[in-house]
Structures are given as structure tokens and as C-alpha cells.
Amino acid sequence: MPSPPRIVFPGACLHVMSRGNNKSEIFLDDSDRRFYLGLLRDKFAEFKCIVYAYSLMPNHVHIFLRTESGNISDCMFRINLGYSKYFNDKYGRSGHLFGARFKSRLVQENRYFLSLLRYIHLNPVKAGLSARAEDYPWSSHLAYLGKGDRLVTDTSAAMSMLGQEPGSARLRYMELMGKKMTDDEWKVLNRARNGILGDSDFRKKKGSSYLS
């Protein structure tokens, strides 16, 4: 079944997902993860993408970003090509590392920004990789606790939704992360396919306006 058309335009807010071919692992050690994050940092800067959140899972990645130029397809092609070459050279393998093309969903910011941020940061906990989000070093969660991150360097977009005073906003963020996500929330946010994450009006308006 062919993938639906990708919805993207300058300024679009997107949930981007890349998965290993046949669900195989794409990170075998921490040096792989560091190389991948460095590649993300360089290419997102080059292609003018602002990253709000990410999580590196063993066989896939989640990235929440804004593409200022609407060129996310070119950007992700360069990232996946560069990482595949690194991985194949390092481990003496050949062939496709990533399965098919990357997935993306247009995100309605005023409704799903914080929910998606929470979903991405809790993915390692859901998968049993750590007991708490703060115990997992390969996501941007720690950036929102004020501990720094080379990829997510500005957390103000999310924090401004939680409060104007930094201390209280961080407390509200921690409270948000501490709440258990319901099965319905996971179901809505875990749909790994191209499309739109938004209410019916947003889907109707954006779905009929932008296709690429």
C-alpha cells in the first residue's frame, strides 16, 4: 500500500520518525548515537530546522521539529544517507539501514505541542529502556530540566506554554511528565504514518492546502 502524500510547507511543525529496515537496530553503541546526534545538529542547522524534542530508540527515532524552509525531505535524505554510510562502513555491512522513507505528521501546535513533547520523552519508559525519563540519556528530556543539550538548545517554546516564570514552568513540566499517559493518548500519538495530528478543522484545512 503506497504511503499517503507528505504534508509540509515553510514553517510547518512536524513529528518525524525514521525506523530501521525490518525493525532492525540502528544504534549498536553510544558512539553511534553521538555520531547521529552530531549529524542531526549539523544538517538541521544547514536546512533551517528547529528541534523541540527527540528520542533515540534502539531501532527508530522520534523528532519533533519546525522546518522553516519546508525542505524536510531533502534534509532527512541527507541525514539518513550520511548515517547509513557511517553505520555500514563501521560494521562492514551493505544495503539499506532504514526502512522505506521516513514518516512525518503535521502537528497542530496549540493543541498537541505539549502532548507530543511528553509522548517523545516517555517513549523510552514505555519501551522499558528506563524507569524514568530522566534516567534515559538519549532524549531531549534533560534539556527541559535545565541540564543542557547540543541539539535542543532553546526550550522556551514549550516552557512559555507552562508559565512565564522559569522555575514554575519547569515544575509544571515535571508534573506533566509525571502523569501517566492513558491508552487513548498513546493510540492517538503513536500512529506512525504520514498525515496530520490535529482536530477535524485543522485536518480539513491543512490536508486540502498542502501536499508534496
N, C-alpha and C. Protein backbone atom coordinates (compact mmCIF):
# COMPACT_ATOMS: atom_id res chain seq x y z
N MET A 1 0.86 -1.20 0.00
CA MET A 1 0.00 0.00 0.00
C MET A 1 0.89 1.24 0.00
N PRO A 2 0.73 2.15 -0.97
CA PRO A 2 1.60 3.32 -1.04
C PRO A 2 1.36 4.26 0.13
N SER A 3 2.44 4.98 0.52
CA SER A 3 2.31 5.96 1.58
C SER A 3 1.52 7.16 1.09
N PRO A 4 0.73 7.79 1.97
CA PRO A 4 0.00 8.98 1.55
C PRO A 4 0.95 10.13 1.28
N PRO A 5 0.51 11.15 0.53
CA PRO A 5 1.38 12.29 0.25
C PRO A 5 1.84 12.97 1.55
N ARG A 6 3.07 13.47 1.53
CA ARG A 6 3.59 14.16 2.70
C ARG A 6 3.06 15.60 2.73
N ILE A 7 2.65 16.03 3.90
CA ILE A 7 2.12 17.39 4.06
C ILE A 7 3.20 18.23 4.73
N VAL A 8 3.72 19.22 4.00
CA VAL A 8 4.80 20.05 4.53
C VAL A 8 4.81 21.39 3.80
N PHE A 9 5.24 22.42 4.50
CA PHE A 9 5.32 23.77 3.94
C PHE A 9 6.24 24.58 4.85
N PRO A 10 6.76 25.72 4.39
CA PRO A 10 7.63 26.53 5.25
C PRO A 10 6.94 26.91 6.55
N GLY A 11 7.61 26.63 7.65
CA GLY A 11 7.06 26.92 8.97
C GLY A 11 6.27 25.78 9.58
N ALA A 12 6.15 24.65 8.86
CA ALA A 12 5.38 23.52 9.37
C ALA A 12 6.04 22.91 10.60
N CYS A 13 5.20 22.51 11.55
CA CYS A 13 5.65 21.81 12.75
C CYS A 13 5.38 20.33 12.51
N LEU A 14 6.40 19.47 12.65
CA LEU A 14 6.30 18.08 12.24
C LEU A 14 6.79 17.11 13.30
N HIS A 15 6.14 15.96 13.35
CA HIS A 15 6.65 14.81 14.09
C HIS A 15 7.25 13.87 13.07
N VAL A 16 8.57 13.71 13.12
CA VAL A 16 9.32 12.93 12.14
C VAL A 16 9.77 11.62 12.78
N MET A 17 9.65 10.52 12.03
CA MET A 17 10.06 9.21 12.53
C MET A 17 10.85 8.47 11.46
N SER A 18 11.99 7.89 11.86
CA SER A 18 12.77 7.01 10.97
C SER A 18 12.96 5.68 11.69
N ARG A 19 12.75 4.58 10.96
CA ARG A 19 12.82 3.25 11.57
C ARG A 19 13.79 2.37 10.80
N GLY A 20 14.49 1.49 11.52
CA GLY A 20 15.41 0.56 10.89
C GLY A 20 14.71 -0.39 9.95
N ASN A 21 15.40 -0.79 8.89
CA ASN A 21 14.85 -1.72 7.92
C ASN A 21 14.48 -3.04 8.61
N ASN A 22 13.26 -3.50 8.39
CA ASN A 22 12.75 -4.71 9.06
C ASN A 22 12.82 -4.59 10.59
N LYS A 23 12.72 -3.36 11.07
CA LYS A 23 12.75 -3.06 12.51
C LYS A 23 14.07 -3.45 13.17
N SER A 24 15.15 -3.49 12.37
CA SER A 24 16.46 -3.82 12.93
C SER A 24 17.04 -2.63 13.68
N GLU A 25 17.97 -2.90 14.58
CA GLU A 25 18.57 -1.84 15.38
C GLU A 25 19.44 -0.94 14.51
N ILE A 26 19.38 0.36 14.80
CA ILE A 26 20.19 1.32 14.05
C ILE A 26 21.28 1.94 14.91
N PHE A 27 21.26 1.64 16.21
CA PHE A 27 22.32 2.09 17.12
C PHE A 27 22.81 0.88 17.89
N LEU A 28 24.12 0.59 17.78
CA LEU A 28 24.67 -0.56 18.48
C LEU A 28 25.53 -0.17 19.67
N ASP A 29 25.95 1.09 19.74
CA ASP A 29 26.68 1.56 20.92
C ASP A 29 26.51 3.07 21.03
N ASP A 30 27.04 3.65 22.10
CA ASP A 30 26.86 5.07 22.35
C ASP A 30 27.56 5.95 21.32
N SER A 31 28.65 5.46 20.73
CA SER A 31 29.33 6.26 19.71
C SER A 31 28.44 6.41 18.48
N ASP A 32 27.62 5.41 18.19
CA ASP A 32 26.65 5.54 17.10
C ASP A 32 25.65 6.65 17.40
N ARG A 33 25.16 6.68 18.61
CA ARG A 33 24.17 7.69 19.00
C ARG A 33 24.78 9.09 18.96
N ARG A 34 26.03 9.21 19.42
CA ARG A 34 26.68 10.52 19.39
C ARG A 34 26.90 10.98 17.95
N PHE A 35 27.30 10.06 17.07
CA PHE A 35 27.50 10.43 15.67
C PHE A 35 26.18 10.89 15.06
N TYR A 36 25.11 10.17 15.33
CA TYR A 36 23.80 10.51 14.77
C TYR A 36 23.34 11.87 15.26
N LEU A 37 23.50 12.14 16.55
CA LEU A 37 23.10 13.44 17.09
C LEU A 37 23.92 14.57 16.47
N GLY A 38 25.20 14.32 16.25
CA GLY A 38 26.03 15.33 15.60
C GLY A 38 25.57 15.59 14.17
N LEU A 39 25.18 14.53 13.49
CA LEU A 39 24.67 14.67 12.13
C LEU A 39 23.36 15.45 12.13
N LEU A 40 22.47 15.15 13.08
CA LEU A 40 21.23 15.91 13.19
C LEU A 40 21.51 17.39 13.43
N ARG A 41 22.41 17.67 14.33
CA ARG A 41 22.72 19.06 14.67
C ARG A 41 23.22 19.81 13.43
N ASP A 42 24.14 19.21 12.70
CA ASP A 42 24.72 19.88 11.53
C ASP A 42 23.69 20.07 10.41
N LYS A 43 22.95 19.02 10.10
CA LYS A 43 22.01 19.09 8.98
C LYS A 43 20.79 19.95 9.31
N PHE A 44 20.31 19.89 10.52
CA PHE A 44 19.16 20.72 10.88
C PHE A 44 19.54 22.20 10.85
N ALA A 45 20.77 22.51 11.22
CA ALA A 45 21.24 23.89 11.12
C ALA A 45 21.34 24.30 9.65
N GLU A 46 21.88 23.41 8.83
CA GLU A 46 22.04 23.70 7.40
C GLU A 46 20.69 23.90 6.71
N PHE A 47 19.71 23.08 7.07
CA PHE A 47 18.41 23.13 6.41
C PHE A 47 17.37 23.95 7.19
N LYS A 48 17.83 24.68 8.19
CA LYS A 48 16.98 25.62 8.93
C LYS A 48 15.77 24.94 9.58
N CYS A 49 16.07 23.93 10.37
CA CYS A 49 15.05 23.25 11.16
C CYS A 49 15.30 23.51 12.65
N ILE A 50 14.25 23.78 13.39
CA ILE A 50 14.33 24.00 14.83
C ILE A 50 13.80 22.76 15.52
N VAL A 51 14.61 22.14 16.38
CA VAL A 51 14.22 20.90 17.05
C VAL A 51 13.67 21.21 18.44
N TYR A 52 12.48 20.67 18.71
CA TYR A 52 11.85 20.84 20.03
C TYR A 52 12.05 19.63 20.92
N ALA A 53 12.12 18.44 20.33
CA ALA A 53 12.29 17.23 21.13
C ALA A 53 12.78 16.09 20.24
N TYR A 54 13.45 15.13 20.86
CA TYR A 54 13.86 13.92 20.15
C TYR A 54 14.02 12.78 21.14
N SER A 55 13.99 11.58 20.63
CA SER A 55 14.30 10.39 21.42
C SER A 55 14.89 9.36 20.48
N LEU A 56 16.08 8.86 20.84
CA LEU A 56 16.73 7.81 20.05
C LEU A 56 16.41 6.47 20.68
N MET A 57 15.62 5.68 20.01
CA MET A 57 15.27 4.34 20.46
C MET A 57 16.20 3.34 19.76
N PRO A 58 16.26 2.09 20.20
CA PRO A 58 17.20 1.15 19.57
C PRO A 58 17.02 0.99 18.07
N ASN A 59 15.77 0.95 17.60
CA ASN A 59 15.56 0.71 16.17
C ASN A 59 14.78 1.80 15.45
N HIS A 60 14.58 2.92 16.11
CA HIS A 60 13.90 4.04 15.46
C HIS A 60 14.16 5.33 16.22
N VAL A 61 13.79 6.45 15.59
CA VAL A 61 13.96 7.75 16.23
C VAL A 61 12.68 8.56 16.09
N HIS A 62 12.42 9.38 17.10
CA HIS A 62 11.34 10.36 17.06
C HIS A 62 11.96 11.75 17.13
N ILE A 63 11.51 12.66 16.26
CA ILE A 63 11.98 14.04 16.27
C ILE A 63 10.78 14.96 16.09
N PHE A 64 10.70 15.95 16.94
CA PHE A 64 9.65 16.97 16.86
C PHE A 64 10.34 18.27 16.47
N LEU A 65 9.97 18.82 15.32
CA LEU A 65 10.71 19.97 14.80
C LEU A 65 9.83 20.92 14.00
N ARG A 66 10.40 22.07 13.71
CA ARG A 66 9.79 23.01 12.77
C ARG A 66 10.73 23.18 11.59
N THR A 67 10.22 23.04 10.38
CA THR A 67 11.03 23.26 9.18
C THR A 67 10.74 24.65 8.65
N GLU A 68 11.68 25.54 8.82
CA GLU A 68 11.48 26.93 8.41
C GLU A 68 11.40 27.08 6.89
N SER A 69 12.06 26.19 6.16
CA SER A 69 12.10 26.31 4.70
C SER A 69 11.23 25.28 3.98
N GLY A 70 10.61 24.37 4.74
CA GLY A 70 9.77 23.36 4.11
C GLY A 70 10.54 22.30 3.35
N ASN A 71 11.83 22.13 3.65
CA ASN A 71 12.68 21.22 2.88
C ASN A 71 13.05 19.97 3.69
N ILE A 72 12.12 19.48 4.49
CA ILE A 72 12.42 18.36 5.38
C ILE A 72 12.79 17.09 4.62
N SER A 73 12.21 16.87 3.44
CA SER A 73 12.54 15.66 2.69
C SER A 73 14.01 15.64 2.29
N ASP A 74 14.51 16.76 1.79
CA ASP A 74 15.93 16.85 1.42
C ASP A 74 16.81 16.69 2.65
N CYS A 75 16.39 17.29 3.75
CA CYS A 75 17.16 17.23 4.99
C CYS A 75 17.26 15.80 5.50
N MET A 76 16.14 15.11 5.62
CA MET A 76 16.15 13.75 6.14
C MET A 76 16.85 12.78 5.19
N PHE A 77 16.78 13.04 3.89
CA PHE A 77 17.52 12.21 2.94
C PHE A 77 19.01 12.30 3.22
N ARG A 78 19.50 13.51 3.44
CA ARG A 78 20.93 13.70 3.72
C ARG A 78 21.31 13.05 5.05
N ILE A 79 20.46 13.19 6.05
CA ILE A 79 20.74 12.60 7.36
C ILE A 79 20.79 11.07 7.27
N ASN A 80 19.76 10.48 6.69
CA ASN A 80 19.70 9.02 6.62
C ASN A 80 20.80 8.45 5.73
N LEU A 81 21.13 9.15 4.64
CA LEU A 81 22.21 8.70 3.77
C LEU A 81 23.55 8.77 4.50
N GLY A 82 23.79 9.89 5.19
CA GLY A 82 25.05 10.04 5.91
C GLY A 82 25.22 9.04 7.03
N TYR A 83 24.14 8.79 7.77
CA TYR A 83 24.25 7.84 8.88
C TYR A 83 24.37 6.41 8.36
N SER A 84 23.66 6.08 7.28
CA SER A 84 23.75 4.74 6.71
C SER A 84 25.17 4.43 6.24
N LYS A 85 25.81 5.41 5.62
CA LYS A 85 27.19 5.22 5.17
C LYS A 85 28.11 5.00 6.36
N TYR A 86 27.95 5.82 7.40
CA TYR A 86 28.75 5.65 8.62
C TYR A 86 28.55 4.25 9.21
N PHE A 87 27.30 3.84 9.36
CA PHE A 87 26.96 2.57 10.00
C PHE A 87 27.48 1.39 9.18
N ASN A 88 27.25 1.42 7.88
CA ASN A 88 27.71 0.31 7.03
C ASN A 88 29.22 0.21 6.99
N ASP A 89 29.91 1.35 6.94
CA ASP A 89 31.38 1.33 6.95
C ASP A 89 31.91 0.79 8.28
N LYS A 90 31.29 1.21 9.37
CA LYS A 90 31.76 0.81 10.69
C LYS A 90 31.57 -0.68 10.94
N TYR A 91 30.43 -1.20 10.52
CA TYR A 91 30.09 -2.59 10.85
C TYR A 91 30.25 -3.56 9.66
N GLY A 92 30.85 -3.09 8.56
CA GLY A 92 31.12 -3.96 7.43
C GLY A 92 29.88 -4.57 6.81
N ARG A 93 28.85 -3.76 6.69
CA ARG A 93 27.61 -4.26 6.10
C ARG A 93 27.27 -3.44 4.86
N SER A 94 26.24 -3.87 4.15
CA SER A 94 25.79 -3.14 2.96
C SER A 94 24.26 -3.18 2.93
N GLY A 95 23.69 -2.40 2.03
CA GLY A 95 22.23 -2.38 1.90
C GLY A 95 21.59 -1.29 2.71
N HIS A 96 20.27 -1.28 2.69
CA HIS A 96 19.50 -0.24 3.36
C HIS A 96 19.52 -0.42 4.87
N LEU A 97 19.79 0.66 5.58
CA LEU A 97 19.71 0.64 7.04
C LEU A 97 18.31 1.02 7.50
N PHE A 98 17.73 2.02 6.84
CA PHE A 98 16.40 2.50 7.22
C PHE A 98 15.35 1.88 6.30
N GLY A 99 14.18 1.63 6.86
CA GLY A 99 13.10 1.04 6.11
C GLY A 99 12.28 2.09 5.39
N ALA A 100 12.15 1.96 4.07
CA ALA A 100 11.33 2.87 3.26
C ALA A 100 11.71 4.32 3.52
N ARG A 101 10.77 5.24 3.30
CA ARG A 101 11.05 6.64 3.55
C ARG A 101 10.64 7.00 4.97
N PHE A 102 11.19 8.06 5.48
CA PHE A 102 10.84 8.47 6.84
C PHE A 102 9.36 8.88 6.89
N LYS A 103 8.78 8.81 8.08
CA LYS A 103 7.39 9.20 8.29
C LYS A 103 7.35 10.61 8.87
N SER A 104 6.28 11.31 8.58
CA SER A 104 6.10 12.64 9.18
C SER A 104 4.62 12.95 9.33
N ARG A 105 4.31 13.70 10.37
CA ARG A 105 2.94 14.17 10.58
C ARG A 105 2.97 15.66 10.87
N LEU A 106 2.11 16.39 10.23
CA LEU A 106 1.92 17.80 10.53
C LEU A 106 1.25 17.92 11.89
N VAL A 107 1.74 18.80 12.75
CA VAL A 107 1.25 18.91 14.12
C VAL A 107 0.52 20.23 14.35
N GLN A 108 -0.66 20.16 14.91
CA GLN A 108 -1.39 21.35 15.34
C GLN A 108 -0.80 21.79 16.69
N GLU A 109 -0.03 22.84 16.65
CA GLU A 109 0.77 23.22 17.81
C GLU A 109 -0.06 23.56 19.04
N ASN A 110 -1.09 24.39 18.87
CA ASN A 110 -1.81 24.87 20.05
C ASN A 110 -2.59 23.76 20.75
N ARG A 111 -2.74 22.62 20.09
CA ARG A 111 -3.46 21.52 20.72
C ARG A 111 -2.56 20.36 21.15
N TYR A 112 -1.51 20.09 20.36
CA TYR A 112 -0.74 18.87 20.59
C TYR A 112 0.74 19.08 20.91
N PHE A 113 1.18 20.31 21.02
CA PHE A 113 2.61 20.57 21.24
C PHE A 113 3.10 19.86 22.50
N LEU A 114 2.48 20.12 23.63
CA LEU A 114 2.94 19.55 24.89
C LEU A 114 2.68 18.04 24.95
N SER A 115 1.58 17.59 24.37
CA SER A 115 1.28 16.16 24.37
C SER A 115 2.33 15.38 23.59
N LEU A 116 2.75 15.92 22.45
CA LEU A 116 3.75 15.24 21.65
C LEU A 116 5.11 15.28 22.32
N LEU A 117 5.44 16.39 22.94
CA LEU A 117 6.68 16.51 23.69
C LEU A 117 6.74 15.42 24.77
N ARG A 118 5.66 15.27 25.49
CA ARG A 118 5.56 14.26 26.56
C ARG A 118 5.66 12.85 25.98
N TYR A 119 4.96 12.61 24.90
CA TYR A 119 4.99 11.30 24.25
C TYR A 119 6.41 10.91 23.86
N ILE A 120 7.14 11.82 23.26
CA ILE A 120 8.51 11.52 22.81
C ILE A 120 9.42 11.26 23.99
N HIS A 121 9.31 12.04 25.03
CA HIS A 121 10.19 11.88 26.19
C HIS A 121 9.84 10.66 27.03
N LEU A 122 8.60 10.18 26.94
CA LEU A 122 8.20 9.00 27.69
C LEU A 122 8.34 7.72 26.88
N ASN A 123 8.70 7.81 25.62
CA ASN A 123 8.86 6.61 24.80
C ASN A 123 9.85 5.60 25.39
N PRO A 124 11.01 6.03 25.87
CA PRO A 124 11.94 5.06 26.46
C PRO A 124 11.37 4.37 27.70
N VAL A 125 10.57 5.08 28.47
CA VAL A 125 9.94 4.48 29.66
C VAL A 125 8.90 3.46 29.22
N LYS A 126 8.08 3.83 28.26
CA LYS A 126 7.07 2.92 27.73
C LYS A 126 7.70 1.64 27.19
N ALA A 127 8.87 1.77 26.56
CA ALA A 127 9.55 0.62 25.96
C ALA A 127 10.36 -0.19 26.97
N GLY A 128 10.42 0.27 28.23
CA GLY A 128 11.16 -0.45 29.25
C GLY A 128 12.66 -0.21 29.22
N LEU A 129 13.08 0.87 28.56
CA LEU A 129 14.51 1.17 28.49
C LEU A 129 15.02 1.90 29.73
N SER A 130 14.10 2.52 30.47
CA SER A 130 14.47 3.21 31.71
C SER A 130 13.23 3.30 32.58
N ALA A 131 13.47 3.47 33.88
CA ALA A 131 12.35 3.57 34.82
C ALA A 131 11.72 4.95 34.77
N ARG A 132 12.54 5.96 34.49
CA ARG A 132 12.07 7.35 34.44
C ARG A 132 12.69 8.02 33.22
N ALA A 133 12.00 9.05 32.72
CA ALA A 133 12.51 9.76 31.56
C ALA A 133 13.89 10.35 31.83
N GLU A 134 14.11 10.84 33.05
CA GLU A 134 15.39 11.48 33.35
C GLU A 134 16.55 10.49 33.44
N ASP A 135 16.25 9.18 33.48
CA ASP A 135 17.30 8.17 33.51
C ASP A 135 17.77 7.77 32.12
N TYR A 136 17.10 8.28 31.10
CA TYR A 136 17.46 7.90 29.73
C TYR A 136 18.26 9.04 29.09
N PRO A 137 19.53 8.81 28.74
CA PRO A 137 20.39 9.90 28.28
C PRO A 137 20.23 10.27 26.82
N TRP A 138 19.43 9.53 26.05
CA TRP A 138 19.38 9.74 24.61
C TRP A 138 18.06 10.34 24.16
N SER A 139 17.56 11.26 24.95
CA SER A 139 16.40 12.07 24.56
C SER A 139 16.67 13.49 25.00
N SER A 140 15.79 14.39 24.60
CA SER A 140 15.95 15.81 24.95
C SER A 140 15.29 16.16 26.28
N HIS A 141 14.80 15.17 27.00
CA HIS A 141 14.12 15.46 28.27
C HIS A 141 15.00 16.26 29.22
N LEU A 142 16.27 15.92 29.30
CA LEU A 142 17.16 16.59 30.24
C LEU A 142 17.32 18.08 29.91
N ALA A 143 17.16 18.43 28.63
CA ALA A 143 17.24 19.84 28.25
C ALA A 143 16.15 20.64 28.95
N TYR A 144 14.99 20.02 29.13
CA TYR A 144 13.86 20.70 29.78
C TYR A 144 13.99 20.73 31.29
N LEU A 145 14.98 20.02 31.81
CA LEU A 145 15.30 20.10 33.23
C LEU A 145 16.46 21.05 33.47
N GLY A 146 16.89 21.73 32.42
CA GLY A 146 17.95 22.72 32.54
C GLY A 146 19.34 22.15 32.53
N LYS A 147 19.52 20.92 32.03
CA LYS A 147 20.83 20.27 32.07
C LYS A 147 21.58 20.34 30.76
N GLY A 148 21.01 21.00 29.77
CA GLY A 148 21.74 21.24 28.53
C GLY A 148 21.62 20.12 27.52
N ASP A 149 21.64 20.49 26.26
CA ASP A 149 21.55 19.53 25.16
C ASP A 149 22.10 20.23 23.92
N ARG A 150 22.93 19.52 23.16
CA ARG A 150 23.55 20.15 21.99
C ARG A 150 22.59 20.30 20.83
N LEU A 151 21.50 19.55 20.83
CA LEU A 151 20.55 19.61 19.72
C LEU A 151 19.37 20.50 20.06
N VAL A 152 18.78 20.31 21.23
CA VAL A 152 17.68 21.18 21.69
C VAL A 152 18.29 22.22 22.61
N THR A 153 18.56 23.38 22.05
CA THR A 153 19.24 24.43 22.80
C THR A 153 18.30 25.50 23.32
N ASP A 154 17.05 25.50 22.87
CA ASP A 154 16.08 26.51 23.28
C ASP A 154 14.76 25.81 23.62
N THR A 155 14.41 25.82 24.89
CA THR A 155 13.18 25.15 25.34
C THR A 155 12.05 26.13 25.58
N SER A 156 12.22 27.38 25.16
CA SER A 156 11.26 28.42 25.51
C SER A 156 9.89 28.22 24.87
N ALA A 157 9.83 27.60 23.69
CA ALA A 157 8.54 27.41 23.02
C ALA A 157 7.60 26.59 23.89
N ALA A 158 8.11 25.50 24.45
CA ALA A 158 7.28 24.67 25.33
C ALA A 158 7.10 25.30 26.69
N MET A 159 8.18 25.83 27.25
CA MET A 159 8.11 26.37 28.60
C MET A 159 7.18 27.57 28.71
N SER A 160 7.09 28.37 27.64
CA SER A 160 6.21 29.53 27.68
C SER A 160 4.74 29.10 27.76
N MET A 161 4.44 27.87 27.32
CA MET A 161 3.07 27.36 27.44
C MET A 161 2.74 26.92 28.86
N LEU A 162 3.78 26.74 29.66
CA LEU A 162 3.60 26.22 31.02
C LEU A 162 3.71 27.31 32.08
N GLY A 163 4.20 28.47 31.72
CA GLY A 163 4.32 29.55 32.68
C GLY A 163 5.36 30.57 32.25
N GLN A 164 5.24 31.78 32.72
CA GLN A 164 6.16 32.84 32.35
C GLN A 164 7.41 32.87 33.23
N GLU A 165 7.30 32.32 34.42
CA GLU A 165 8.45 32.29 35.33
C GLU A 165 9.15 30.94 35.16
N PRO A 166 10.47 30.94 34.86
CA PRO A 166 11.17 29.69 34.53
C PRO A 166 11.04 28.59 35.58
N GLY A 167 11.13 28.96 36.84
CA GLY A 167 11.06 27.95 37.89
C GLY A 167 9.71 27.26 37.95
N SER A 168 8.65 28.03 37.90
CA SER A 168 7.31 27.44 37.96
C SER A 168 7.00 26.66 36.68
N ALA A 169 7.48 27.15 35.53
CA ALA A 169 7.27 26.43 34.27
C ALA A 169 7.95 25.07 34.31
N ARG A 170 9.14 25.01 34.89
CA ARG A 170 9.84 23.73 34.97
C ARG A 170 9.11 22.77 35.91
N LEU A 171 8.58 23.28 36.99
CA LEU A 171 7.81 22.44 37.91
C LEU A 171 6.57 21.87 37.22
N ARG A 172 5.91 22.71 36.44
CA ARG A 172 4.73 22.24 35.72
C ARG A 172 5.10 21.21 34.65
N TYR A 173 6.27 21.41 34.04
CA TYR A 173 6.75 20.42 33.07
C TYR A 173 6.99 19.08 33.76
N MET A 174 7.62 19.09 34.91
CA MET A 174 7.90 17.87 35.65
C MET A 174 6.60 17.19 36.09
N GLU A 175 5.61 17.98 36.47
CA GLU A 175 4.31 17.42 36.81
C GLU A 175 3.66 16.76 35.60
N LEU A 176 3.77 17.42 34.45
CA LEU A 176 3.22 16.87 33.22
C LEU A 176 3.87 15.54 32.89
N MET A 177 5.19 15.48 33.02
CA MET A 177 5.91 14.25 32.70
C MET A 177 5.62 13.14 33.70
N GLY A 178 5.22 13.52 34.89
CA GLY A 178 4.95 12.53 35.92
C GLY A 178 3.57 11.91 35.82
N LYS A 179 2.71 12.48 34.98
CA LYS A 179 1.37 11.93 34.82
C LYS A 179 1.38 10.76 33.85
N LYS A 180 0.67 9.70 34.20
CA LYS A 180 0.61 8.54 33.33
C LYS A 180 -0.24 8.84 32.11
N MET A 181 0.27 8.46 30.94
CA MET A 181 -0.49 8.65 29.71
C MET A 181 -1.52 7.53 29.58
N THR A 182 -2.72 7.87 29.17
CA THR A 182 -3.77 6.87 29.00
C THR A 182 -3.55 6.09 27.71
N ASP A 183 -4.21 4.96 27.61
CA ASP A 183 -4.11 4.15 26.39
C ASP A 183 -4.60 4.93 25.17
N ASP A 184 -5.64 5.74 25.36
CA ASP A 184 -6.16 6.54 24.24
C ASP A 184 -5.14 7.57 23.77
N GLU A 185 -4.42 8.18 24.73
CA GLU A 185 -3.38 9.14 24.35
C GLU A 185 -2.28 8.46 23.54
N TRP A 186 -1.83 7.29 23.99
CA TRP A 186 -0.80 6.56 23.26
C TRP A 186 -1.28 6.21 21.86
N LYS A 187 -2.54 5.81 21.77
CA LYS A 187 -3.08 5.40 20.48
C LYS A 187 -3.06 6.55 19.48
N VAL A 188 -3.48 7.73 19.91
CA VAL A 188 -3.51 8.89 19.03
C VAL A 188 -2.10 9.32 18.63
N LEU A 189 -1.19 9.35 19.59
CA LEU A 189 0.15 9.89 19.35
C LEU A 189 1.12 8.88 18.76
N ASN A 190 0.74 7.61 18.75
CA ASN A 190 1.65 6.55 18.31
C ASN A 190 1.38 6.10 16.88
N ARG A 191 0.54 6.80 16.17
CA ARG A 191 0.24 6.41 14.80
C ARG A 191 1.41 6.79 13.90
N ALA A 192 2.23 5.80 13.58
CA ALA A 192 3.46 6.05 12.81
C ALA A 192 3.17 6.04 11.32
N ARG A 193 2.46 7.06 10.85
CA ARG A 193 2.18 7.15 9.43
C ARG A 193 2.09 8.63 9.05
N ASN A 194 2.26 8.90 7.76
CA ASN A 194 2.15 10.28 7.31
C ASN A 194 0.73 10.77 7.52
N GLY A 195 0.55 12.03 7.78
CA GLY A 195 -0.78 12.57 7.99
C GLY A 195 -0.74 13.83 8.83
N ILE A 196 -1.78 14.02 9.61
CA ILE A 196 -1.94 15.23 10.40
C ILE A 196 -2.34 14.87 11.82
N LEU A 197 -1.68 15.49 12.78
CA LEU A 197 -2.05 15.37 14.18
C LEU A 197 -2.75 16.67 14.57
N GLY A 198 -4.08 16.63 14.55
CA GLY A 198 -4.84 17.85 14.84
C GLY A 198 -6.32 17.55 14.88
N ASP A 199 -7.10 18.55 15.22
CA ASP A 199 -8.55 18.37 15.27
C ASP A 199 -9.13 18.36 13.85
N SER A 200 -10.43 18.11 13.75
CA SER A 200 -11.05 17.93 12.44
C SER A 200 -10.93 19.18 11.56
N ASP A 201 -11.08 20.38 12.14
CA ASP A 201 -10.97 21.61 11.36
C ASP A 201 -9.55 21.78 10.82
N PHE A 202 -8.57 21.52 11.67
CA PHE A 202 -7.17 21.64 11.26
C PHE A 202 -6.85 20.64 10.16
N ARG A 203 -7.30 19.40 10.31
CA ARG A 203 -7.04 18.38 9.30
C ARG A 203 -7.68 18.74 7.97
N LYS A 204 -8.88 19.24 8.03
CA LYS A 204 -9.58 19.61 6.80
C LYS A 204 -8.88 20.76 6.10
N LYS A 205 -8.49 21.77 6.86
CA LYS A 205 -7.86 22.95 6.28
C LYS A 205 -6.48 22.64 5.73
N LYS A 206 -5.65 22.00 6.52
CA LYS A 206 -4.27 21.75 6.10
C LYS A 206 -4.18 20.63 5.08
N GLY A 207 -5.04 19.62 5.23
CA GLY A 207 -4.98 18.49 4.30
C GLY A 207 -5.33 18.88 2.89
N SER A 208 -6.19 19.89 2.73
CA SER A 208 -6.58 20.30 1.39
C SER A 208 -5.70 21.40 0.82
N SER A 209 -4.77 21.92 1.64
CA SER A 209 -3.97 23.05 1.21
C SER A 209 -2.55 22.70 0.80
N TYR A 210 -1.96 21.68 1.48
CA TYR A 210 -0.54 21.41 1.26
C TYR A 210 -0.32 19.92 1.05
N LEU A 211 0.17 19.53 -0.08
CA LEU A 211 0.56 18.17 -0.35
C LEU A 211 1.86 18.18 -1.14
N SER A 212 2.80 17.31 -0.79
CA SER A 212 4.05 17.23 -1.55
C SER A 212 4.56 15.80 -1.55
